[in-house]
Amino acid sequence: TIRHVGGAMRGAGAEQISVLVRTIVESKASKNVLHYFYTLGYKLDHELLKIGFAFRFHRGAQITVTVTSTNKMPRLHATDEAVPVTPGIQLVEITAPAAADNYNDVVSAVSAFCEYLAP
């Protein structure tokens, strides 16, 4: 799967909510997707390996919490040689899919969940 995460929503509407809204487009990809990107002129710099956990639950919206550490692999598919990009630091992401008809409910659900995480 190829995932494109767009830029953050801007404008007056974005300033009135307490969550960051981004457009995400996912596309299915075949086994030769790497060859496809080479054909387009891209160059592979390095491959990343995310190691962690994903938690999914429903609390007003389908919420996914991922806790991962990111590792850089110097050679393609060399998972044994992966080295941490930021040792000792983990990335926590909270995501929930939304559409125009349930947008406000999802924003409220994510905001309420994030309040539980606040120190």
Protein backbone atom coordinates (compact mmCIF):
# COMPACT_ATOMS: atom_id res chain seq x y z
CA THR A 1 0.00 0.00 0.00
CA ILE A 2 1.23 3.48 -0.87
CA ARG A 3 0.12 6.18 1.55
CA HIS A 4 0.26 9.91 0.86
CA VAL A 5 -0.28 12.13 3.89
CA GLY A 6 -1.20 15.64 2.81
CA GLY A 7 -0.46 18.93 4.48
CA ALA A 8 -2.36 20.18 7.49
CA MET A 9 -5.75 21.82 7.00
CA ARG A 10 -5.47 25.61 7.03
CA GLY A 11 -7.81 28.51 7.52
CA ALA A 12 -10.31 29.72 10.06
CA GLY A 13 -11.86 26.26 10.44
CA ALA A 14 -8.49 24.73 11.32
CA GLU A 15 -7.87 27.31 14.03
CA GLN A 16 -11.17 26.51 15.74
CA ILE A 17 -10.49 22.82 16.38
CA SER A 18 -7.99 21.18 18.71
CA VAL A 19 -6.80 18.45 16.34
CA LEU A 20 -4.64 18.42 13.22
CA VAL A 21 -6.58 17.41 10.09
CA ARG A 22 -4.76 15.94 7.08
CA THR A 23 -5.96 14.33 3.89
CA ILE A 24 -4.70 10.76 3.49
CA VAL A 25 -4.83 8.90 0.19
CA GLU A 26 -4.02 5.19 0.13
CA SER A 27 -3.51 3.15 -3.03
CA LYS A 28 -2.89 -0.52 -3.54
CA ALA A 29 0.50 -1.37 -5.02
CA SER A 30 1.92 -4.43 -6.72
CA LYS A 31 5.18 -6.16 -5.90
CA ASN A 32 7.06 -4.08 -8.48
CA VAL A 33 6.24 -0.68 -6.93
CA LEU A 34 9.94 -0.02 -6.27
CA HIS A 35 10.67 -0.47 -9.98
CA TYR A 36 7.78 1.89 -10.75
CA PHE A 37 9.31 4.66 -8.60
CA TYR A 38 12.72 4.11 -10.20
CA THR A 39 11.05 4.52 -13.62
CA LEU A 40 9.56 7.83 -12.46
CA GLY A 41 13.08 9.02 -11.64
CA TYR A 42 13.08 8.59 -7.86
CA LYS A 43 16.19 7.37 -6.07
CA LEU A 44 16.03 5.15 -2.99
CA ASP A 45 17.97 6.83 -0.20
CA HIS A 46 17.15 4.44 2.62
CA GLU A 47 14.41 2.20 3.89
CA LEU A 48 12.67 2.75 7.23
CA LEU A 49 11.49 0.08 9.63
CA LYS A 50 8.86 0.99 12.21
CA ILE A 51 8.77 -1.21 15.30
CA GLY A 52 5.97 -0.84 17.80
CA PHE A 53 2.35 -1.40 18.67
CA ALA A 54 -1.05 -0.41 17.31
CA PHE A 55 -4.16 -0.17 19.47
CA ARG A 56 -7.62 0.17 17.92
CA PHE A 57 -10.83 0.93 19.77
CA HIS A 58 -14.14 2.66 19.31
CA ARG A 59 -14.88 5.67 21.51
CA GLY A 60 -17.24 7.88 19.53
CA ALA A 61 -15.09 7.13 16.47
CA GLN A 62 -12.76 4.36 15.31
CA ILE A 63 -9.49 5.53 16.90
CA THR A 64 -6.07 4.02 16.24
CA VAL A 65 -3.11 4.73 18.53
CA THR A 66 0.33 3.68 17.29
CA VAL A 67 3.48 3.75 19.39
CA THR A 68 6.58 3.18 17.27
CA SER A 69 10.28 3.69 17.08
CA THR A 70 11.73 4.36 13.65
CA ASN A 71 14.83 2.57 12.41
CA LYS A 72 16.93 3.24 9.32
CA MET A 73 18.13 0.33 7.18
CA PRO A 74 21.32 1.06 5.22
CA ARG A 75 20.58 -1.67 2.66
CA LEU A 76 17.29 -2.75 1.12
CA HIS A 77 15.42 -5.27 3.33
CA ALA A 78 18.34 -5.49 5.81
CA THR A 79 16.13 -5.62 8.91
CA ASP A 80 18.95 -7.10 11.02
CA GLU A 81 21.10 -4.02 10.36
CA ALA A 82 18.42 -1.46 11.28
CA VAL A 83 19.64 1.32 13.57
CA PRO A 84 17.35 3.69 15.51
CA VAL A 85 16.88 7.13 13.96
CA THR A 86 16.18 8.70 17.38
CA PRO A 87 17.33 6.25 20.10
CA GLY A 88 15.08 6.12 23.15
CA ILE A 89 12.31 8.21 21.55
CA GLN A 90 9.01 6.76 20.42
CA LEU A 91 6.41 8.37 18.18
CA VAL A 92 2.80 8.29 19.39
CA GLU A 93 0.19 8.88 16.69
CA ILE A 94 -3.55 9.08 17.23
CA THR A 95 -5.61 8.78 14.07
CA ALA A 96 -9.27 8.42 13.19
CA PRO A 97 -10.83 8.40 9.72
CA ALA A 98 -13.44 11.07 9.09
CA ALA A 99 -15.77 12.10 6.30
CA ALA A 100 -17.89 15.18 5.78
CA ASP A 101 -20.90 13.60 7.48
CA ASN A 102 -19.11 12.58 10.72
CA TYR A 103 -16.30 15.13 10.82
CA ASN A 104 -17.41 16.97 13.99
CA ASP A 105 -18.04 13.71 15.88
CA VAL A 106 -14.56 12.42 15.04
CA VAL A 107 -12.91 15.71 16.08
CA SER A 108 -14.76 15.56 19.41
CA ALA A 109 -13.85 11.91 19.98
CA VAL A 110 -10.14 12.46 19.27
CA SER A 111 -10.04 15.63 21.39
CA ALA A 112 -11.70 13.84 24.30
CA PHE A 113 -9.29 10.91 24.05
CA CYS A 114 -6.26 13.23 23.94
CA GLU A 115 -7.42 14.86 27.17
CA TYR A 116 -6.89 11.47 28.87
CA LEU A 117 -3.27 11.52 27.70
CA ALA A 118 -2.54 15.04 28.98
CA PRO A 119 -0.32 15.03 32.09
